[in-house]
Structures are given as C-alpha cells and as structure tokens.
Amino acid sequence: MATAKKKDQIFKIANRSGYAMISCNHLTEGFTISQAKARMEKALARTERKKAKKKTTKKKQSKVKK
C-alpha cells in the first residue's frame, strides 16, 4: 500500500537514535529512513485489512438479521 505523499512526515527523533514517520494518523519508528517507511507500509496495510474485515462482518450480520 502506498502512503499519501503530501501528508507524510519523516524526522530524526531527538534524544534517540533513529527516525520516525507520521502518516494517516500512524506513527512508526526505525533505525533508518527506509526502515521507518517499510514499517509504515505494514501499519497502513494492517489498518486496511481491519477495515475490510469489519465491512464483511457487518454484511454477514445484516444478512443474518433479515
């Protein structure tokens, strides 16, 4: 999953070793910029899977009620 380029922020963490990335209400950390980006992609994919799962369970519940 690609991130929204305009909303991405990558910065060096003060008083710590590594970088952080903020995107779409997610925060990830990594020792390198590429590691922070990779972790962000995984976090966004995890969120998308949860949203898709909720939609399917709502559809199943509405069919059962009818």
PDB file of N, CA and C in Angstrom:
ATOM      1  N   MET A   1       0.849  -1.177   0.000  1.00  0.00           N
ATOM      2  CA  MET A   1       0.000   0.000   0.000  1.00  0.00           C
ATOM      3  C   MET A   1       0.886   1.229   0.000  1.00  0.00           C
ATOM      4  N   ALA A   2       0.583   2.158  -0.847  1.00  0.00           N
ATOM      5  CA  ALA A   2       1.336   3.402  -0.931  1.00  0.00           C
ATOM      6  C   ALA A   2       0.805   4.408   0.093  1.00  0.00           C
ATOM      7  N   THR A   3       1.678   5.260   0.558  1.00  0.00           N
ATOM      8  CA  THR A   3       1.269   6.276   1.523  1.00  0.00           C
ATOM      9  C   THR A   3       0.883   7.548   0.796  1.00  0.00           C
ATOM     10  N   ALA A   4       0.153   8.405   1.467  1.00  0.00           N
ATOM     11  CA  ALA A   4      -0.226   9.703   0.895  1.00  0.00           C
ATOM     12  C   ALA A   4       0.979  10.628   1.001  1.00  0.00           C
ATOM     13  N   LYS A   5       1.627  10.910  -0.110  1.00  0.00           N
ATOM     14  CA  LYS A   5       2.894  11.642  -0.117  1.00  0.00           C
ATOM     15  C   LYS A   5       2.806  13.011   0.558  1.00  0.00           C
ATOM     16  N   LYS A   6       1.716  13.739   0.359  1.00  0.00           N
ATOM     17  CA  LYS A   6       1.605  15.092   0.887  1.00  0.00           C
ATOM     18  C   LYS A   6       1.529  15.121   2.406  1.00  0.00           C
ATOM     19  N   LYS A   7       1.015  14.064   3.014  1.00  0.00           N
ATOM     20  CA  LYS A   7       0.812  14.044   4.453  1.00  0.00           C
ATOM     21  C   LYS A   7       1.943  13.348   5.213  1.00  0.00           C
ATOM     22  N   ASP A   8       2.894  12.774   4.513  1.00  0.00           N
ATOM     23  CA  ASP A   8       3.990  12.055   5.163  1.00  0.00           C
ATOM     24  C   ASP A   8       4.983  13.019   5.794  1.00  0.00           C
ATOM     25  N   GLN A   9       5.431  12.685   6.984  1.00  0.00           N
ATOM     26  CA  GLN A   9       6.476  13.456   7.654  1.00  0.00           C
ATOM     27  C   GLN A   9       7.510  12.479   8.193  1.00  0.00           C
ATOM     28  N   ILE A  10       8.761  12.680   7.814  1.00  0.00           N
ATOM     29  CA  ILE A  10       9.857  11.872   8.327  1.00  0.00           C
ATOM     30  C   ILE A  10      10.804  12.818   9.044  1.00  0.00           C
ATOM     31  N   PHE A  11      11.213  12.431  10.246  1.00  0.00           N
ATOM     32  CA  PHE A  11      12.105  13.308  11.001  1.00  0.00           C
ATOM     33  C   PHE A  11      13.006  12.491  11.905  1.00  0.00           C
ATOM     34  N   LYS A  12      14.135  13.080  12.245  1.00  0.00           N
ATOM     35  CA  LYS A  12      15.090  12.477  13.179  1.00  0.00           C
ATOM     36  C   LYS A  12      14.534  12.647  14.579  1.00  0.00           C
ATOM     37  N   ILE A  13      14.524  11.580  15.355  1.00  0.00           N
ATOM     38  CA  ILE A  13      13.990  11.634  16.709  1.00  0.00           C
ATOM     39  C   ILE A  13      15.037  12.251  17.625  1.00  0.00           C
ATOM     40  N   ALA A  14      14.644  13.294  18.348  1.00  0.00           N
ATOM     41  CA  ALA A  14      15.554  13.948  19.291  1.00  0.00           C
ATOM     42  C   ALA A  14      15.783  13.036  20.501  1.00  0.00           C
ATOM     43  N   ASN A  15      16.985  13.031  20.998  1.00  0.00           N
ATOM     44  CA  ASN A  15      17.383  12.249  22.179  1.00  0.00           C
ATOM     45  C   ASN A  15      17.252  10.737  21.986  1.00  0.00           C
ATOM     46  N   ARG A  16      17.169  10.283  20.750  1.00  0.00           N
ATOM     47  CA  ARG A  16      17.091   8.863  20.453  1.00  0.00           C
ATOM     48  C   ARG A  16      17.837   8.597  19.157  1.00  0.00           C
ATOM     49  N   SER A  17      18.165   7.344  18.923  1.00  0.00           N
ATOM     50  CA  SER A  17      18.793   7.006  17.646  1.00  0.00           C
ATOM     51  C   SER A  17      17.704   6.496  16.712  1.00  0.00           C
ATOM     52  N   GLY A  18      17.605   7.080  15.562  1.00  0.00           N
ATOM     53  CA  GLY A  18      16.640   6.616  14.583  1.00  0.00           C
ATOM     54  C   GLY A  18      15.746   7.713  14.047  1.00  0.00           C
ATOM     55  N   TYR A  19      14.798   7.279  13.227  1.00  0.00           N
ATOM     56  CA  TYR A  19      13.887   8.180  12.542  1.00  0.00           C
ATOM     57  C   TYR A  19      12.446   7.769  12.828  1.00  0.00           C
ATOM     58  N   ALA A  20      11.539   8.722  12.685  1.00  0.00           N
ATOM     59  CA  ALA A  20      10.121   8.447  12.848  1.00  0.00           C
ATOM     60  C   ALA A  20       9.382   8.925  11.602  1.00  0.00           C
ATOM     61  N   MET A  21       8.237   8.310  11.356  1.00  0.00           N
ATOM     62  CA  MET A  21       7.409   8.696  10.217  1.00  0.00           C
ATOM     63  C   MET A  21       5.967   8.783  10.679  1.00  0.00           C
ATOM     64  N   ILE A  22       5.309   9.871  10.294  1.00  0.00           N
ATOM     65  CA  ILE A  22       3.898  10.072  10.607  1.00  0.00           C
ATOM     66  C   ILE A  22       3.142  10.142   9.290  1.00  0.00           C
ATOM     67  N   SER A  23       2.064   9.363   9.204  1.00  0.00           N
ATOM     68  CA  SER A  23       1.232   9.358   8.002  1.00  0.00           C
ATOM     69  C   SER A  23      -0.131   8.770   8.344  1.00  0.00           C
ATOM     70  N   CYS A  24      -1.185   9.445   7.946  1.00  0.00           N
ATOM     71  CA  CYS A  24      -2.558   8.935   8.103  1.00  0.00           C
ATOM     72  C   CYS A  24      -2.846   8.492   9.540  1.00  0.00           C
ATOM     73  N   ASN A  25      -2.494   9.303  10.501  1.00  0.00           N
ATOM     74  CA  ASN A  25      -2.716   9.023  11.925  1.00  0.00           C
ATOM     75  C   ASN A  25      -1.976   7.785  12.429  1.00  0.00           C
ATOM     76  N   HIS A  26      -0.854   7.460  11.802  1.00  0.00           N
ATOM     77  CA  HIS A  26       0.002   6.360  12.232  1.00  0.00           C
ATOM     78  C   HIS A  26       1.387   6.927  12.532  1.00  0.00           C
ATOM     79  N   LEU A  27       2.056   6.346  13.504  1.00  0.00           N
ATOM     80  CA  LEU A  27       3.424   6.725  13.845  1.00  0.00           C
ATOM     81  C   LEU A  27       4.270   5.469  13.871  1.00  0.00           C
ATOM     82  N   THR A  28       5.373   5.473  13.125  1.00  0.00           N
ATOM     83  CA  THR A  28       6.305   4.346  13.146  1.00  0.00           C
ATOM     84  C   THR A  28       7.713   4.867  13.377  1.00  0.00           C
ATOM     85  N   GLU A  29       8.563   3.996  13.883  1.00  0.00           N
ATOM     86  CA  GLU A  29       9.962   4.343  14.139  1.00  0.00           C
ATOM     87  C   GLU A  29      10.856   3.305  13.496  1.00  0.00           C
ATOM     88  N   GLY A  30      12.061   3.717  13.135  1.00  0.00           N
ATOM     89  CA  GLY A  30      13.045   2.812  12.579  1.00  0.00           C
ATOM     90  C   GLY A  30      14.434   3.378  12.728  1.00  0.00           C
ATOM     91  N   PHE A  31      15.446   2.526  12.607  1.00  0.00           N
ATOM     92  CA  PHE A  31      16.818   2.989  12.718  1.00  0.00           C
ATOM     93  C   PHE A  31      17.246   3.788  11.494  1.00  0.00           C
ATOM     94  N   THR A  32      16.615   3.496  10.346  1.00  0.00           N
ATOM     95  CA  THR A  32      16.911   4.235   9.117  1.00  0.00           C
ATOM     96  C   THR A  32      15.592   4.768   8.537  1.00  0.00           C
ATOM     97  N   ILE A  33      15.712   5.677   7.587  1.00  0.00           N
ATOM     98  CA  ILE A  33      14.517   6.229   6.946  1.00  0.00           C
ATOM     99  C   ILE A  33      13.775   5.130   6.194  1.00  0.00           C
ATOM    100  N   SER A  34      14.509   4.273   5.506  1.00  0.00           N
ATOM    101  CA  SER A  34      13.850   3.207   4.736  1.00  0.00           C
ATOM    102  C   SER A  34      13.145   2.206   5.654  1.00  0.00           C
ATOM    103  N   GLN A  35      13.704   1.946   6.822  1.00  0.00           N
ATOM    104  CA  GLN A  35      13.053   1.039   7.765  1.00  0.00           C
ATOM    105  C   GLN A  35      11.760   1.663   8.307  1.00  0.00           C
ATOM    106  N   ALA A  36      11.777   2.953   8.592  1.00  0.00           N
ATOM    107  CA  ALA A  36      10.575   3.643   9.061  1.00  0.00           C
ATOM    108  C   ALA A  36       9.491   3.610   7.984  1.00  0.00           C
ATOM    109  N   LYS A  37       9.880   3.785   6.715  1.00  0.00           N
ATOM    110  CA  LYS A  37       8.915   3.732   5.612  1.00  0.00           C
ATOM    111  C   LYS A  37       8.328   2.329   5.463  1.00  0.00           C
ATOM    112  N   ALA A  38       9.175   1.316   5.553  1.00  0.00           N
ATOM    113  CA  ALA A  38       8.702  -0.067   5.422  1.00  0.00           C
ATOM    114  C   ALA A  38       7.730  -0.415   6.537  1.00  0.00           C
ATOM    115  N   ARG A  39       8.032   0.016   7.743  1.00  0.00           N
ATOM    116  CA  ARG A  39       7.128  -0.243   8.862  1.00  0.00           C
ATOM    117  C   ARG A  39       5.807   0.498   8.688  1.00  0.00           C
ATOM    118  N   MET A  40       5.861   1.687   8.087  1.00  0.00           N
ATOM    119  CA  MET A  40       4.632   2.451   7.848  1.00  0.00           C
ATOM    120  C   MET A  40       3.750   1.730   6.838  1.00  0.00           C
ATOM    121  N   GLU A  41       4.346   1.204   5.785  1.00  0.00           N
ATOM    122  CA  GLU A  41       3.571   0.470   4.795  1.00  0.00           C
ATOM    123  C   GLU A  41       2.872  -0.723   5.429  1.00  0.00           C
ATOM    124  N   LYS A  42       3.554  -1.427   6.322  1.00  0.00           N
ATOM    125  CA  LYS A  42       2.943  -2.562   7.011  1.00  0.00           C
ATOM    126  C   LYS A  42       1.809  -2.107   7.916  1.00  0.00           C
ATOM    127  N   ALA A  43       1.996  -0.997   8.612  1.00  0.00           N
ATOM    128  CA  ALA A  43       0.955  -0.487   9.510  1.00  0.00           C
ATOM    129  C   ALA A  43      -0.286  -0.071   8.730  1.00  0.00           C
ATOM    130  N   LEU A  44      -0.095   0.591   7.595  1.00  0.00           N
ATOM    131  CA  LEU A  44      -1.235   1.012   6.783  1.00  0.00           C
ATOM    132  C   LEU A  44      -1.951  -0.195   6.185  1.00  0.00           C
ATOM    133  N   ALA A  45      -1.207  -1.201   5.773  1.00  0.00           N
ATOM    134  CA  ALA A  45      -1.819  -2.410   5.227  1.00  0.00           C
ATOM    135  C   ALA A  45      -2.630  -3.122   6.313  1.00  0.00           C
ATOM    136  N   ARG A  46      -2.114  -3.156   7.534  1.00  0.00           N
ATOM    137  CA  ARG A  46      -2.819  -3.773   8.655  1.00  0.00           C
ATOM    138  C   ARG A  46      -4.148  -3.062   8.909  1.00  0.00           C
ATOM    139  N   THR A  47      -4.142  -1.741   8.847  1.00  0.00           N
ATOM    140  CA  THR A  47      -5.357  -0.959   9.056  1.00  0.00           C
ATOM    141  C   THR A  47      -6.371  -1.232   7.950  1.00  0.00           C
ATOM    142  N   GLU A  48      -5.903  -1.318   6.715  1.00  0.00           N
ATOM    143  CA  GLU A  48      -6.800  -1.602   5.599  1.00  0.00           C
ATOM    144  C   GLU A  48      -7.433  -2.981   5.743  1.00  0.00           C
ATOM    145  N   ARG A  49      -6.657  -3.970   6.195  1.00  0.00           N
ATOM    146  CA  ARG A  49      -7.207  -5.312   6.401  1.00  0.00           C
ATOM    147  C   ARG A  49      -8.289  -5.292   7.475  1.00  0.00           C
ATOM    148  N   LYS A  50      -8.067  -4.538   8.548  1.00  0.00           N
ATOM    149  CA  LYS A  50      -9.065  -4.446   9.613  1.00  0.00           C
ATOM    150  C   LYS A  50     -10.346  -3.800   9.108  1.00  0.00           C
ATOM    151  N   LYS A  51     -10.222  -2.752   8.291  1.00  0.00           N
ATOM    152  CA  LYS A  51     -11.401  -2.089   7.730  1.00  0.00           C
ATOM    153  C   LYS A  51     -12.173  -3.047   6.836  1.00  0.00           C
ATOM    154  N   ALA A  52     -11.469  -3.796   6.010  1.00  0.00           N
ATOM    155  CA  ALA A  52     -12.117  -4.739   5.106  1.00  0.00           C
ATOM    156  C   ALA A  52     -12.815  -5.844   5.898  1.00  0.00           C
ATOM    157  N   LYS A  53     -12.201  -6.287   6.968  1.00  0.00           N
ATOM    158  CA  LYS A  53     -12.786  -7.342   7.792  1.00  0.00           C
ATOM    159  C   LYS A  53     -14.063  -6.844   8.472  1.00  0.00           C
ATOM    160  N   LYS A  54     -14.059  -5.598   8.947  1.00  0.00           N
ATOM    161  CA  LYS A  54     -15.252  -5.036   9.579  1.00  0.00           C
ATOM    162  C   LYS A  54     -16.401  -4.945   8.592  1.00  0.00           C
ATOM    163  N   LYS A  55     -16.112  -4.557   7.351  1.00  0.00           N
ATOM    164  CA  LYS A  55     -17.155  -4.443   6.338  1.00  0.00           C
ATOM    165  C   LYS A  55     -17.789  -5.794   6.061  1.00  0.00           C
ATOM    166  N   THR A  56     -16.977  -6.843   5.961  1.00  0.00           N
ATOM    167  CA  THR A  56     -17.522  -8.162   5.657  1.00  0.00           C
ATOM    168  C   THR A  56     -18.338  -8.697   6.830  1.00  0.00           C
ATOM    169  N   THR A  57     -17.912  -8.443   8.055  1.00  0.00           N
ATOM    170  CA  THR A  57     -18.673  -8.926   9.209  1.00  0.00           C
ATOM    171  C   THR A  57     -19.991  -8.173   9.343  1.00  0.00           C
ATOM    172  N   LYS A  58     -20.023  -6.891   9.013  1.00  0.00           N
ATOM    173  CA  LYS A  58     -21.269  -6.131   9.059  1.00  0.00           C
ATOM    174  C   LYS A  58     -22.255  -6.655   8.019  1.00  0.00           C
ATOM    175  N   LYS A  59     -21.751  -6.996   6.829  1.00  0.00           N
ATOM    176  CA  LYS A  59     -22.619  -7.528   5.791  1.00  0.00           C
ATOM    177  C   LYS A  59     -23.198  -8.878   6.219  1.00  0.00           C
ATOM    178  N   LYS A  60     -22.372  -9.732   6.828  1.00  0.00           N
ATOM    179  CA  LYS A  60     -22.837 -11.042   7.286  1.00  0.00           C
ATOM    180  C   LYS A  60     -23.877 -10.882   8.394  1.00  0.00           C
ATOM    181  N   GLN A  61     -23.667  -9.948   9.313  1.00  0.00           N
ATOM    182  CA  GLN A  61     -24.606  -9.742  10.404  1.00  0.00           C
ATOM    183  C   GLN A  61     -25.940  -9.214   9.891  1.00  0.00           C
ATOM    184  N   SER A  62     -25.916  -8.330   8.900  1.00  0.00           N
ATOM    185  CA  SER A  62     -27.169  -7.799   8.362  1.00  0.00           C
ATOM    186  C   SER A  62     -27.954  -8.873   7.628  1.00  0.00           C
ATOM    187  N   LYS A  63     -27.272  -9.811   6.981  1.00  0.00           N
ATOM    188  CA  LYS A  63     -27.956 -10.902   6.302  1.00  0.00           C
ATOM    189  C   LYS A  63     -28.588 -11.857   7.301  1.00  0.00           C
ATOM    190  N   VAL A  64     -27.933 -12.086   8.419  1.00  0.00           N
ATOM    191  CA  VAL A  64     -28.438 -12.992   9.439  1.00  0.00           C
ATOM    192  C   VAL A  64     -29.673 -12.402  10.110  1.00  0.00           C
ATOM    193  N   LYS A  65     -29.710 -11.108  10.343  1.00  0.00           N
ATOM    194  CA  LYS A  65     -30.827 -10.456  10.999  1.00  0.00           C
ATOM    195  C   LYS A  65     -32.095 -10.483  10.139  1.00  0.00           C
ATOM    196  N   LYS A  66     -31.932 -10.460   8.821  1.00  0.00           N
ATOM    197  CA  LYS A  66     -33.097 -10.421   7.921  1.00  0.00           C
ATOM    198  C   LYS A  66     -33.731 -11.739   7.830  1.00  0.00           C
TER     199      LYS A  66
END
